[in-house]
Amino acid sequence: MRILHLFNYLLCLMPMFVQGNIPPEQEIVISQQHYHVPVLIKKKDNPVVRIHVHINAAKEKISLTELAFSTAGSTNRSDIKQVRLFYSGADSGRRNLANVDKLTLVGATSSNAEKGVIKGGLSLSPGDHYFWMSVELHDNASLLHRITVNAVSAVLNGKRTSIAGASKTSQRTGMALRQHNQDNVHTYRIPGLATANDGSLLAVYDARRESARDLQGNIDIGVSRSTDGGNTWLPMQIAIDMGQWGGLPEKFNGVSDANILVDKNTGTIFIAGLWMHGVLDSVTGKWIEGLTDTSSYWNHQWRKKGSQPGFDVKQTAQFLIVKSDDNGKTWSKPVNITQQCKQQDWWLFAPAPGQGITLRDGTLVFPTQGRDRSGRSFSNITYSKDGGATWRTSNRASKENTTENMAVELSDGTIMLNMRCSKNKDTGDTNGRVIAITRNLGMDWTEHPTSSGALHEPVCMASIIRHDYVKKGQKRSVLLFANPDSKATRHHMTIKVSYDDGRTWASDKKILLDEWKSRGYSCLTSIDAETIGILYESSQCDLVFQKIKLKELLP
């Protein structure tokens, strides 16, 4: 009989273990989780810890009155301005705190002591509950510091309960350079970044004033400038704005996809952008007449017949260039090089967003892209051998369906083009950036051995640069590459390094910047011999700027 009773008791317990329920003796369980996302200056709430509280169904309501936490492991605790605790109910998914106004603020503390306490009253019913701890940084926090926050314990019904899952993982600081609705701009997208000859940093981007949508729209090319290595940034400038050109409102004169190029010999800085005037009918390719401020027509230069053969503004999107001779303080009026460089039968000729380069012989190179006579996409380069007075465009770099790209000069003077490819929607073994090289400015191209395999992508713009430095008195260089490190989704923004001109990429030196999903575009620059800068579309705001010391990437 005793054996039968024991058997029946075990049968009663089995559902709890099979379904993953918490046994009765574990009435309250608290755990925490940390993530690789940046903690940003100029952003009020940065997620640092997610806390999960499970209250067994057998319990009555529990009162949470206190949460203790530790900042041990942070580079400098005085970087922290405030720590807040938010309650998100049973919803664990609000992890970027983008809708923080919809959460419940439990409490906050301005103490930056190693051990802190947040007090606040909250009644919790049986079930699952999620909390987020956020950090706000002082404006003078260092961009090279890291933040570590761990939840230590909570007081529930007057009893202190320890919190499992403490981590030594630290989060990198960064700058929220452009945020949604900042300066009355709906969305900032498409980053480019370069270092002027005087050391100033120049960030370029789409200022999408009315919506997040691509061209056509009210979009200008914005510029942010820093004279102290990215620690602070001057107010936004507008480098290209076509206004109400041709009698059409600004929403039918958008400019997008900026690429910035610094002439390392003269100091002149060029920005290229793509301008659309009006809208072409998606079926016929004909320019739509009679557009006004209330017109809702929209078409995209890369879709259907959004840009067509020819040179005229009513036939095809236009390739514009502006320049600065004072390290980005002021910008010239746009020069249109469409007829100079576009083949008449191409549907589209456009800059590829990001950064251009100066070759060792002084040649200026913009990465460019377009659609050929059949509407199929291609990548190539556009170059100048006379300091930007005239420009020429190369042959296509690959037979593949490629678009956005960036160029880098290798140690032997070869140009390598690293390209986004539409076939990478396939997540198999052939998923990888298409890579080609040329020794004659794109007259001929050769597929690189690492093409379609070495650097996978979720079909997204990426960045590559050559970084020069000195070690033990000898000049050296590495290639640096940034993109979402994934075959399927734009998440895990990562920097990778190659010590051999891109033949191999070090698997043990990758730097993960942001593991959550974002729009995924990025651009790298060399701030100085020892420091790298990156501007990217982040899960935490439209555009994030971060600094990385080169030593983190060296063997």
Protein backbone atom coordinates (compact mmCIF):
# COMPACT_ATOMS: atom_id res chain seq x y z
CA MET A 1 0.00 0.00 0.00
CA ARG A 2 2.83 2.40 0.84
CA ILE A 3 4.40 1.70 -2.56
CA LEU A 4 1.09 2.48 -4.27
CA HIS A 5 0.74 5.80 -2.41
CA LEU A 6 4.33 6.72 -3.36
CA PHE A 7 3.64 5.86 -7.00
CA ASN A 8 0.52 8.05 -7.08
CA TYR A 9 2.47 10.92 -5.44
CA LEU A 10 5.18 10.72 -8.11
CA LEU A 11 2.53 10.72 -10.81
CA CYS A 12 1.19 13.99 -9.39
CA LEU A 13 4.66 15.56 -9.47
CA MET A 14 5.54 14.50 -13.02
CA PRO A 15 3.57 17.23 -14.86
CA MET A 16 5.49 19.94 -13.00
CA PHE A 17 8.87 18.60 -14.11
CA VAL A 18 7.77 17.65 -17.64
CA GLN A 19 6.28 21.11 -18.28
CA GLY A 20 9.23 22.91 -16.68
CA ASN A 21 7.24 24.17 -13.71
CA ILE A 22 9.06 25.26 -10.57
CA PRO A 23 8.67 22.80 -7.65
CA PRO A 24 6.72 24.11 -4.64
CA GLU A 25 9.82 24.52 -2.49
CA GLN A 26 11.11 27.15 -4.98
CA GLU A 27 8.30 29.59 -4.38
CA ILE A 28 10.16 32.63 -5.69
CA VAL A 29 13.01 32.47 -8.21
CA ILE A 30 14.82 35.57 -9.49
CA SER A 31 17.36 35.56 -12.33
CA GLN A 32 19.00 38.15 -14.57
CA GLN A 33 20.30 38.37 -18.10
CA HIS A 34 22.82 40.69 -19.74
CA TYR A 35 23.24 41.67 -23.39
CA HIS A 36 25.89 43.06 -25.73
CA VAL A 37 24.34 46.42 -26.57
CA PRO A 38 25.99 49.85 -26.26
CA VAL A 39 25.37 52.20 -23.33
CA LEU A 40 24.99 55.62 -24.89
CA ILE A 41 25.80 59.18 -23.96
CA LYS A 42 22.87 61.50 -24.78
CA LYS A 43 20.32 58.65 -24.38
CA LYS A 44 18.35 58.68 -21.15
CA ASP A 45 17.60 54.98 -20.72
CA ASN A 46 20.09 52.32 -21.80
CA PRO A 47 19.17 48.68 -21.02
CA VAL A 48 21.78 46.93 -18.89
CA VAL A 49 20.00 44.08 -17.06
CA ARG A 50 16.77 42.17 -17.58
CA ILE A 51 15.41 40.64 -14.36
CA HIS A 52 12.95 37.74 -14.33
CA VAL A 53 10.90 37.11 -11.19
CA HIS A 54 8.84 33.91 -11.00
CA ILE A 55 6.31 33.57 -8.18
CA ASN A 56 4.89 30.10 -7.75
CA ALA A 57 1.15 29.89 -8.40
CA ALA A 58 0.60 28.61 -4.85
CA LYS A 59 1.75 31.93 -3.40
CA GLU A 60 -0.33 35.01 -2.78
CA LYS A 61 0.73 38.46 -3.95
CA ILE A 62 4.29 39.50 -3.12
CA SER A 63 5.44 43.04 -2.31
CA LEU A 64 8.76 44.12 -3.85
CA THR A 65 10.22 47.05 -1.94
CA GLU A 66 13.93 47.13 -2.78
CA LEU A 67 16.49 46.09 -5.40
CA ALA A 68 20.21 46.08 -4.68
CA PHE A 69 22.75 46.21 -7.51
CA SER A 70 26.48 46.44 -8.10
CA THR A 71 28.51 48.47 -10.58
CA ALA A 72 31.76 46.67 -9.78
CA GLY A 73 33.72 46.10 -12.98
CA SER A 74 32.77 49.43 -14.57
CA THR A 75 35.79 51.38 -15.82
CA ASN A 76 34.73 54.51 -13.93
CA ARG A 77 31.56 54.51 -11.87
CA SER A 78 31.40 58.32 -12.03
CA ASP A 79 30.37 57.93 -15.70
CA ILE A 80 26.96 56.84 -14.38
CA LYS A 81 24.43 59.63 -13.84
CA GLN A 82 21.43 57.55 -12.82
CA VAL A 83 20.22 53.95 -12.58
CA ARG A 84 16.50 53.24 -13.04
CA LEU A 85 14.32 50.17 -12.57
CA PHE A 86 11.31 49.62 -14.84
CA TYR A 87 8.58 47.01 -14.60
CA SER A 88 7.29 45.54 -17.88
CA GLY A 89 4.82 42.99 -16.51
CA ALA A 90 4.77 39.58 -18.17
CA ASP A 91 6.25 41.08 -21.35
CA SER A 92 9.94 40.19 -21.67
CA GLY A 93 10.23 41.61 -25.17
CA ARG A 94 10.55 45.36 -24.49
CA ARG A 95 14.24 44.95 -24.37
CA ASN A 96 15.42 48.11 -26.04
CA LEU A 97 13.27 50.34 -23.79
CA ALA A 98 12.13 52.16 -26.92
CA ASN A 99 8.66 52.46 -25.40
CA VAL A 100 9.90 53.26 -21.92
CA ASP A 101 7.00 55.65 -21.38
CA LYS A 102 4.68 52.62 -21.48
CA LEU A 103 6.56 50.85 -18.68
CA THR A 104 6.19 51.38 -14.96
CA LEU A 105 9.05 53.22 -13.26
CA VAL A 106 9.67 51.40 -9.97
CA GLY A 107 12.43 53.67 -8.72
CA ALA A 108 15.78 55.31 -9.44
CA THR A 109 19.03 56.33 -7.79
CA SER A 110 21.67 58.90 -8.67
CA SER A 111 24.29 57.20 -6.54
CA ASN A 112 27.28 55.88 -8.46
CA ALA A 113 28.66 53.92 -5.54
CA GLU A 114 29.86 50.40 -6.21
CA LYS A 115 26.80 49.06 -4.39
CA GLY A 116 23.49 50.82 -4.91
CA VAL A 117 19.86 50.41 -3.88
CA ILE A 118 16.63 51.27 -5.67
CA LYS A 119 13.57 51.53 -3.45
CA GLY A 120 9.97 51.34 -4.59
CA GLY A 121 6.77 49.51 -3.81
CA LEU A 122 5.22 47.03 -6.24
CA SER A 123 2.71 44.25 -5.64
CA LEU A 124 3.32 41.12 -7.72
CA SER A 125 0.78 38.35 -8.28
CA PRO A 126 1.75 34.69 -8.90
CA GLY A 127 3.36 34.11 -12.30
CA ASP A 128 6.18 35.64 -14.35
CA HIS A 129 7.33 39.23 -14.03
CA TYR A 130 10.04 41.12 -15.92
CA PHE A 131 12.04 44.18 -14.95
CA TRP A 132 14.63 46.24 -16.79
CA MET A 133 17.47 48.18 -15.24
CA SER A 134 18.61 51.17 -17.28
CA VAL A 135 21.63 53.45 -17.01
CA GLU A 136 21.95 57.10 -17.96
CA LEU A 137 25.50 58.40 -18.50
CA HIS A 138 26.96 61.83 -17.87
CA ASP A 139 27.72 63.79 -21.04
CA ASN A 140 31.45 63.71 -20.22
CA ALA A 141 31.63 59.92 -19.88
CA SER A 142 34.51 58.41 -21.84
CA LEU A 143 33.78 56.64 -25.12
CA LEU A 144 36.50 54.13 -24.28
CA HIS A 145 35.01 53.10 -20.93
CA ARG A 146 32.75 50.17 -20.14
CA ILE A 147 29.76 49.76 -17.85
CA THR A 148 29.03 46.69 -15.72
CA VAL A 149 25.79 46.40 -13.75
CA ASN A 150 24.60 43.34 -11.85
CA ALA A 151 21.43 42.91 -9.83
CA VAL A 152 22.44 41.51 -6.42
CA SER A 153 19.28 40.98 -4.38
CA ALA A 154 15.64 42.00 -3.94
CA VAL A 155 13.53 42.48 -0.85
CA LEU A 156 10.21 40.63 -1.19
CA ASN A 157 7.69 40.69 1.68
CA GLY A 158 10.47 41.97 3.90
CA LYS A 159 12.80 39.08 3.06
CA ARG A 160 16.00 39.59 1.05
CA THR A 161 16.37 37.17 -1.86
CA SER A 162 19.58 36.87 -3.85
CA ILE A 163 19.48 37.16 -7.65
CA ALA A 164 21.22 34.53 -9.74
CA GLY A 165 23.01 35.09 -13.04
CA ALA A 166 25.58 37.75 -12.19
CA SER A 167 27.89 38.36 -15.14
CA LYS A 168 31.34 39.83 -15.62
CA THR A 169 30.28 41.00 -19.06
CA SER A 170 30.70 44.74 -19.55
CA GLN A 171 28.95 46.96 -22.06
CA ARG A 172 30.82 49.43 -24.23
CA THR A 173 29.93 53.09 -24.05
CA GLY A 174 29.03 55.02 -27.16
CA MET A 175 27.44 58.22 -28.44
CA ALA A 176 23.79 58.46 -29.49
CA LEU A 177 24.77 60.65 -32.42
CA ARG A 178 21.37 60.78 -34.14
CA GLN A 179 18.09 59.76 -32.54
CA HIS A 180 14.55 59.36 -33.85
CA ASN A 181 12.80 62.77 -34.08
CA GLN A 182 15.96 64.68 -33.07
CA ASP A 183 15.98 68.19 -34.61
CA ASN A 184 12.49 67.47 -35.99
CA VAL A 185 13.81 64.77 -38.30
CA HIS A 186 11.77 61.57 -38.27
CA THR A 187 14.61 59.13 -39.03
CA TYR A 188 18.37 59.20 -39.65
CA ARG A 189 19.79 56.48 -41.88
CA ILE A 190 22.68 55.44 -44.16
CA PRO A 191 25.90 56.33 -42.28
CA GLY A 192 29.17 57.49 -43.74
CA LEU A 193 32.22 58.41 -41.64
CA ALA A 194 35.62 59.90 -42.45
CA THR A 195 38.56 61.65 -40.80
CA ALA A 196 39.62 65.01 -42.24
CA ASN A 197 43.28 65.93 -42.58
CA ASP A 198 43.04 68.16 -39.51
CA GLY A 199 41.73 65.22 -37.44
CA SER A 200 38.09 66.30 -37.47
CA LEU A 201 35.54 63.49 -37.73
CA LEU A 202 32.75 63.90 -40.27
CA ALA A 203 29.62 61.78 -40.09
CA VAL A 204 27.19 61.92 -43.02
CA TYR A 205 23.71 60.45 -43.22
CA ASP A 206 20.19 60.73 -44.60
CA ALA A 207 18.05 63.22 -42.69
CA ARG A 208 14.68 61.66 -43.50
CA ARG A 209 12.43 64.45 -42.33
CA GLU A 210 8.94 62.98 -42.64
CA SER A 211 9.23 59.18 -42.51
CA ALA A 212 11.72 56.33 -42.38
CA ARG A 213 11.00 55.46 -46.01
CA ASP A 214 13.67 55.50 -48.75
CA LEU A 215 13.62 57.88 -51.71
CA GLN A 216 11.46 59.45 -52.96
CA GLY A 217 10.87 61.73 -49.98
CA ASN A 218 11.86 64.88 -48.10
CA ILE A 219 15.43 63.75 -47.47
CA ASP A 220 18.60 65.83 -47.15
CA ILE A 221 22.23 64.84 -46.59
CA GLY A 222 23.17 65.82 -43.05
CA VAL A 223 26.66 66.22 -41.58
CA SER A 224 27.81 66.01 -37.96
CA ARG A 225 31.33 67.18 -37.17
CA SER A 226 33.59 66.49 -34.17
CA THR A 227 36.88 68.25 -33.45
CA ASP A 228 37.83 66.15 -30.41
CA GLY A 229 37.87 62.59 -31.68
CA GLY A 230 34.14 62.02 -31.33
CA ASN A 231 33.76 62.95 -27.67
CA THR A 232 31.48 65.87 -28.57
CA TRP A 233 29.72 66.79 -31.82
CA LEU A 234 28.74 70.15 -33.28
CA PRO A 235 25.14 70.84 -34.37
CA MET A 236 23.97 69.14 -37.56
CA GLN A 237 24.74 70.84 -40.87
CA ILE A 238 23.00 70.15 -44.17
CA ALA A 239 25.44 69.45 -47.00
CA ILE A 240 22.95 68.70 -49.80
CA ASP A 241 19.38 69.99 -49.92
CA MET A 242 17.72 70.48 -53.33
CA GLY A 243 14.81 72.36 -51.76
CA GLN A 244 11.79 73.07 -53.95
CA TRP A 245 13.71 72.60 -57.18
CA GLY A 246 11.88 72.66 -60.49
CA GLY A 247 8.65 73.89 -58.94
CA LEU A 248 8.15 70.68 -56.96
CA PRO A 249 7.95 70.48 -53.16
CA GLU A 250 10.84 69.10 -51.13
CA LYS A 251 9.23 65.67 -50.77
CA PHE A 252 9.78 65.26 -54.53
CA ASN A 253 13.42 66.45 -54.45
CA GLY A 254 15.03 64.01 -52.01
CA VAL A 255 18.78 63.27 -51.78
CA SER A 256 20.07 60.05 -50.22
CA ASP A 257 22.89 57.49 -49.91
CA ALA A 258 25.81 59.77 -49.07
CA ASN A 259 29.42 58.72 -49.53
CA ILE A 260 32.23 60.85 -48.07
CA LEU A 261 35.75 60.96 -49.49
CA VAL A 262 38.76 62.85 -48.09
CA ASP A 263 41.54 63.76 -50.51
CA LYS A 264 44.49 62.91 -48.28
CA ASN A 265 46.84 65.04 -50.38
CA THR A 266 44.92 68.33 -50.64
CA GLY A 267 42.52 68.02 -47.70
CA THR A 268 39.46 68.63 -49.89
CA ILE A 269 36.44 66.62 -48.78
CA PHE A 270 33.80 65.38 -51.22
CA ILE A 271 30.29 64.11 -50.47
CA ALA A 272 28.34 62.29 -53.15
CA GLY A 273 24.57 61.84 -53.00
CA LEU A 274 21.73 60.58 -55.18
CA TRP A 275 19.00 63.07 -56.09
CA MET A 276 15.53 62.20 -57.37
CA HIS A 277 13.34 64.87 -58.97
CA GLY A 278 9.70 63.94 -59.05
CA VAL A 279 8.51 60.35 -59.49
CA LEU A 280 8.62 57.94 -62.43
CA ASP A 281 5.63 55.70 -63.01
CA SER A 282 6.49 52.17 -61.84
CA VAL A 283 4.93 50.55 -64.93
CA THR A 284 5.77 52.89 -67.81
CA GLY A 285 8.88 54.59 -66.41
CA LYS A 286 7.47 57.96 -67.48
CA TRP A 287 7.77 61.09 -65.33
CA ILE A 288 4.50 61.91 -63.55
CA GLU A 289 3.23 65.42 -64.29
CA GLY A 290 1.37 67.76 -61.96
CA LEU A 291 2.81 66.67 -58.60
CA THR A 292 1.92 68.85 -55.61
CA ASP A 293 2.40 68.84 -51.83
CA THR A 294 -0.71 66.68 -51.49
CA SER A 295 0.33 64.09 -54.10
CA SER A 296 0.96 60.62 -52.68
CA TYR A 297 2.88 59.06 -55.57
CA TRP A 298 6.00 57.16 -54.52
CA ASN A 299 8.56 55.02 -56.29
CA HIS A 300 12.05 53.77 -55.46
CA GLN A 301 15.08 54.12 -57.73
CA TRP A 302 15.90 50.41 -57.26
CA ARG A 303 12.38 49.09 -57.81
CA LYS A 304 10.55 48.47 -61.04
CA LYS A 305 11.03 51.53 -63.28
CA GLY A 306 11.85 54.10 -60.60
CA SER A 307 14.90 55.30 -62.57
CA GLN A 308 15.32 54.87 -66.32
CA PRO A 309 17.83 55.21 -69.20
CA GLY A 310 18.90 58.70 -70.21
CA PHE A 311 20.44 61.70 -68.48
CA ASP A 312 17.62 64.16 -67.83
CA VAL A 313 16.22 64.76 -64.33
CA LYS A 314 12.84 63.55 -65.59
CA GLN A 315 14.40 60.30 -66.84
CA THR A 316 16.86 59.11 -64.25
CA ALA A 317 18.14 59.73 -60.72
CA GLN A 318 21.07 62.19 -60.57
CA PHE A 319 24.58 61.75 -59.12
CA LEU A 320 25.58 64.91 -57.19
CA ILE A 321 28.88 65.92 -55.53
CA VAL A 322 29.58 68.76 -53.08
CA LYS A 323 32.96 69.60 -51.59
CA SER A 324 34.56 71.38 -48.64
CA ASP A 325 37.98 73.05 -48.55
CA ASP A 326 37.84 73.89 -44.83
CA ASN A 327 37.66 70.43 -43.22
CA GLY A 328 33.88 70.29 -43.38
CA LYS A 329 32.94 73.69 -41.97
CA THR A 330 31.23 74.79 -45.21
CA TRP A 331 30.06 73.03 -48.38
CA SER A 332 29.88 74.05 -52.02
CA LYS A 333 26.85 73.96 -54.28
CA PRO A 334 26.20 70.54 -55.89
CA VAL A 335 27.89 69.52 -59.11
CA ASN A 336 26.00 66.98 -61.23
CA ILE A 337 28.27 64.32 -62.78
CA THR A 338 25.49 62.07 -64.13
CA GLN A 339 26.13 62.79 -67.81
CA GLN A 340 29.90 62.67 -67.26
CA CYS A 341 29.89 59.15 -65.79
CA LYS A 342 26.61 57.33 -66.47
CA GLN A 343 26.16 55.22 -69.58
CA GLN A 344 23.02 56.43 -71.31
CA ASP A 345 21.36 53.01 -71.38
CA TRP A 346 21.88 52.36 -67.66
CA TRP A 347 18.72 52.62 -65.62
CA LEU A 348 20.63 54.03 -62.65
CA PHE A 349 24.05 55.35 -61.65
CA ALA A 350 24.48 56.09 -57.93
CA PRO A 351 27.03 56.47 -55.13
CA ALA A 352 27.42 53.50 -52.83
CA PRO A 353 27.00 54.82 -49.29
CA GLY A 354 29.88 54.90 -46.80
CA GLN A 355 33.40 56.15 -47.43
CA GLY A 356 35.60 56.67 -50.49
CA ILE A 357 39.39 56.42 -50.54
CA THR A 358 42.55 58.15 -51.75
CA LEU A 359 45.00 55.76 -53.43
CA ARG A 360 48.71 56.03 -52.77
CA ASP A 361 49.20 57.65 -56.19
CA GLY A 362 46.61 60.33 -55.35
CA THR A 363 43.70 58.89 -57.33
CA LEU A 364 40.33 59.53 -55.67
CA VAL A 365 37.91 56.60 -55.64
CA PHE A 366 34.19 56.56 -54.91
CA PRO A 367 32.48 53.16 -54.64
CA THR A 368 29.46 53.30 -56.96
CA GLN A 369 26.53 51.14 -58.05
CA GLY A 370 23.73 51.08 -60.56
CA ARG A 371 21.35 49.18 -62.80
CA ASP A 372 22.34 48.17 -66.33
CA ARG A 373 20.39 48.26 -69.61
CA SER A 374 18.18 45.38 -68.41
CA GLY A 375 17.60 46.82 -64.95
CA ARG A 376 20.00 44.35 -63.31
CA SER A 377 22.12 45.76 -60.47
CA PHE A 378 25.92 46.08 -60.49
CA SER A 379 28.83 47.48 -58.46
CA ASN A 380 31.82 49.44 -59.72
CA ILE A 381 34.06 52.42 -58.88
CA THR A 382 34.15 56.03 -60.02
CA TYR A 383 37.54 57.74 -59.88
CA SER A 384 39.33 61.02 -60.45
CA LYS A 385 43.00 61.52 -61.28
CA ASP A 386 42.84 65.32 -61.22
CA GLY A 387 41.72 66.07 -57.67
CA GLY A 388 38.00 65.80 -58.37
CA ALA A 389 37.81 68.09 -61.42
CA THR A 390 36.67 65.21 -63.66
CA TRP A 391 35.45 61.68 -62.95
CA ARG A 392 35.41 58.36 -64.81
CA THR A 393 33.47 55.19 -64.07
CA SER A 394 34.80 51.62 -64.31
CA ASN A 395 33.33 48.43 -65.68
CA ARG A 396 31.11 46.33 -63.43
CA ALA A 397 33.10 44.38 -60.83
CA SER A 398 31.11 41.15 -60.82
CA LYS A 399 28.56 39.27 -62.89
CA GLU A 400 26.57 38.75 -59.71
CA ASN A 401 23.58 40.90 -58.75
CA THR A 402 25.52 43.25 -56.43
CA THR A 403 24.80 46.75 -55.12
CA GLU A 404 26.27 48.69 -52.14
CA ASN A 405 30.02 48.30 -51.79
CA MET A 406 33.19 49.80 -50.37
CA ALA A 407 36.70 49.85 -51.78
CA VAL A 408 40.04 49.36 -50.08
CA GLU A 409 43.60 49.57 -51.42
CA LEU A 410 45.69 46.51 -50.58
CA SER A 411 49.40 46.44 -49.74
CA ASP A 412 50.41 45.91 -53.38
CA GLY A 413 48.24 48.73 -54.72
CA THR A 414 45.42 46.46 -55.85
CA ILE A 415 41.90 47.76 -55.27
CA MET A 416 39.55 45.35 -53.53
CA LEU A 417 35.79 45.87 -53.82
CA ASN A 418 33.64 44.30 -51.10
CA MET A 419 30.00 44.04 -52.28
CA ARG A 420 26.50 43.38 -51.00
CA CYS A 421 24.90 40.60 -53.04
CA SER A 422 21.21 39.78 -53.49
CA LYS A 423 21.82 36.03 -53.69
CA ASN A 424 22.82 36.04 -50.01
CA LYS A 425 19.16 35.67 -49.09
CA ASP A 426 20.24 32.02 -49.25
CA THR A 427 21.71 31.07 -45.86
CA GLY A 428 23.76 28.14 -47.15
CA ASP A 429 27.52 27.69 -47.59
CA THR A 430 27.68 30.12 -50.52
CA ASN A 431 26.35 33.02 -48.43
CA GLY A 432 29.10 35.61 -48.42
CA ARG A 433 30.09 39.07 -49.58
CA VAL A 434 31.12 39.14 -53.22
CA ILE A 435 34.73 40.32 -53.46
CA ALA A 436 36.66 41.34 -56.57
CA ILE A 437 40.03 42.99 -57.22
CA THR A 438 41.41 45.20 -59.96
CA ARG A 439 44.89 46.43 -60.88
CA ASN A 440 43.78 48.91 -63.56
CA LEU A 441 41.03 51.01 -61.95
CA GLY A 442 38.27 48.62 -62.88
CA MET A 443 38.98 48.08 -66.55
CA ASP A 444 39.32 44.41 -65.59
CA TRP A 445 38.18 42.64 -62.43
CA THR A 446 39.16 39.29 -60.93
CA GLU A 447 37.10 37.36 -58.41
CA HIS A 448 38.92 37.13 -55.08
CA PRO A 449 39.44 33.63 -53.59
CA THR A 450 37.38 34.59 -50.52
CA SER A 451 34.38 35.77 -52.55
CA SER A 452 30.97 34.32 -51.59
CA GLY A 453 32.17 32.52 -48.50
CA ALA A 454 34.49 34.32 -46.12
CA LEU A 455 32.27 37.17 -44.90
CA HIS A 456 28.61 36.22 -44.62
CA GLU A 457 25.81 38.79 -44.60
CA PRO A 458 22.02 39.17 -44.31
CA VAL A 459 22.03 41.22 -47.58
CA CYS A 460 23.09 44.53 -46.08
CA MET A 461 25.48 47.41 -46.62
CA ALA A 462 28.87 46.86 -44.91
CA SER A 463 32.13 48.75 -44.34
CA ILE A 464 35.76 47.92 -45.01
CA ILE A 465 38.87 50.06 -44.50
CA ARG A 466 42.65 49.66 -44.42
CA HIS A 467 44.12 50.90 -41.15
CA ASP A 468 47.81 51.87 -41.08
CA TYR A 469 49.87 51.89 -37.89
CA VAL A 470 53.45 51.58 -36.68
CA LYS A 471 54.76 48.71 -34.55
CA LYS A 472 58.35 48.55 -33.36
CA GLY A 473 59.29 51.25 -35.84
CA GLN A 474 57.81 49.42 -38.84
CA LYS A 475 54.79 50.51 -40.88
CA ARG A 476 52.02 47.92 -40.84
CA SER A 477 48.38 47.69 -41.85
CA VAL A 478 45.28 45.61 -41.24
CA LEU A 479 41.91 45.41 -42.95
CA LEU A 480 38.87 46.06 -40.79
CA PHE A 481 35.36 44.97 -41.77
CA ALA A 482 32.01 45.72 -40.11
CA ASN A 483 28.55 44.34 -40.75
CA PRO A 484 25.74 42.35 -39.07
CA ASP A 485 27.48 39.02 -38.42
CA SER A 486 24.60 36.87 -39.60
CA LYS A 487 23.32 35.11 -42.71
CA ALA A 488 19.65 35.79 -42.11
CA THR A 489 18.92 38.79 -39.88
CA ARG A 490 20.48 42.20 -39.34
CA HIS A 491 21.74 41.72 -35.83
CA HIS A 492 25.12 41.15 -34.11
CA MET A 493 26.90 44.21 -35.47
CA THR A 494 30.53 43.09 -35.46
CA ILE A 495 34.01 44.32 -36.39
CA LYS A 496 36.42 41.76 -37.89
CA VAL A 497 40.12 42.03 -38.70
CA SER A 498 42.43 40.59 -41.36
CA TYR A 499 46.22 40.63 -41.04
CA ASP A 500 46.89 39.39 -44.59
CA ASP A 501 45.02 41.72 -46.98
CA GLY A 502 41.73 39.88 -46.65
CA ARG A 503 42.91 36.37 -47.42
CA THR A 504 41.81 35.27 -43.92
CA TRP A 505 39.83 36.87 -41.09
CA ALA A 506 40.80 36.28 -37.45
CA SER A 507 37.99 34.34 -35.76
CA ASP A 508 39.32 35.05 -32.25
CA LYS A 509 39.46 38.84 -32.58
CA LYS A 510 35.91 39.72 -33.55
CA ILE A 511 34.36 42.59 -31.58
CA LEU A 512 30.61 42.39 -31.00
CA LEU A 513 29.07 45.85 -30.63
CA ASP A 514 25.30 45.29 -30.69
CA GLU A 515 23.65 41.88 -30.64
CA TRP A 516 20.07 43.08 -31.15
CA LYS A 517 18.29 43.65 -34.44
CA SER A 518 18.76 46.95 -36.28
CA ARG A 519 18.80 48.37 -39.80
CA GLY A 520 22.44 47.27 -39.90
CA TYR A 521 24.37 49.82 -42.02
CA SER A 522 27.83 50.91 -40.81
CA CYS A 523 30.97 52.86 -41.68
CA LEU A 524 34.46 52.64 -40.19
CA THR A 525 37.25 55.22 -40.07
CA SER A 526 40.76 55.52 -38.66
CA ILE A 527 40.64 58.24 -35.99
CA ASP A 528 44.39 58.00 -35.35
CA ALA A 529 47.03 55.28 -35.55
CA GLU A 530 45.79 53.67 -32.33
CA THR A 531 42.03 54.25 -32.53
CA ILE A 532 39.18 53.11 -34.77
CA GLY A 533 35.81 54.83 -35.08
CA ILE A 534 32.54 53.35 -36.28
CA LEU A 535 29.15 54.88 -37.05
CA TYR A 536 26.32 52.39 -37.38
CA GLU A 537 22.57 51.89 -37.33
CA SER A 538 21.97 50.43 -33.89
CA SER A 539 19.19 48.76 -31.95
CA GLN A 540 19.58 51.59 -29.43
CA CYS A 541 19.09 54.64 -31.67
CA ASP A 542 19.23 55.64 -35.33
CA LEU A 543 23.01 56.22 -35.45
CA VAL A 544 25.58 55.23 -32.82
CA PHE A 545 29.23 56.30 -32.78
CA GLN A 546 31.80 54.19 -30.92
CA LYS A 547 35.58 54.11 -30.51
CA ILE A 548 37.78 51.00 -30.29
CA LYS A 549 41.46 50.84 -29.52
CA LEU A 550 43.47 49.05 -32.21
CA LYS A 551 45.21 46.87 -29.60
CA GLU A 552 41.93 45.00 -29.09
CA LEU A 553 42.15 43.77 -32.68
CA LEU A 554 45.84 42.90 -32.87
CA PRO A 555 47.24 39.44 -32.08
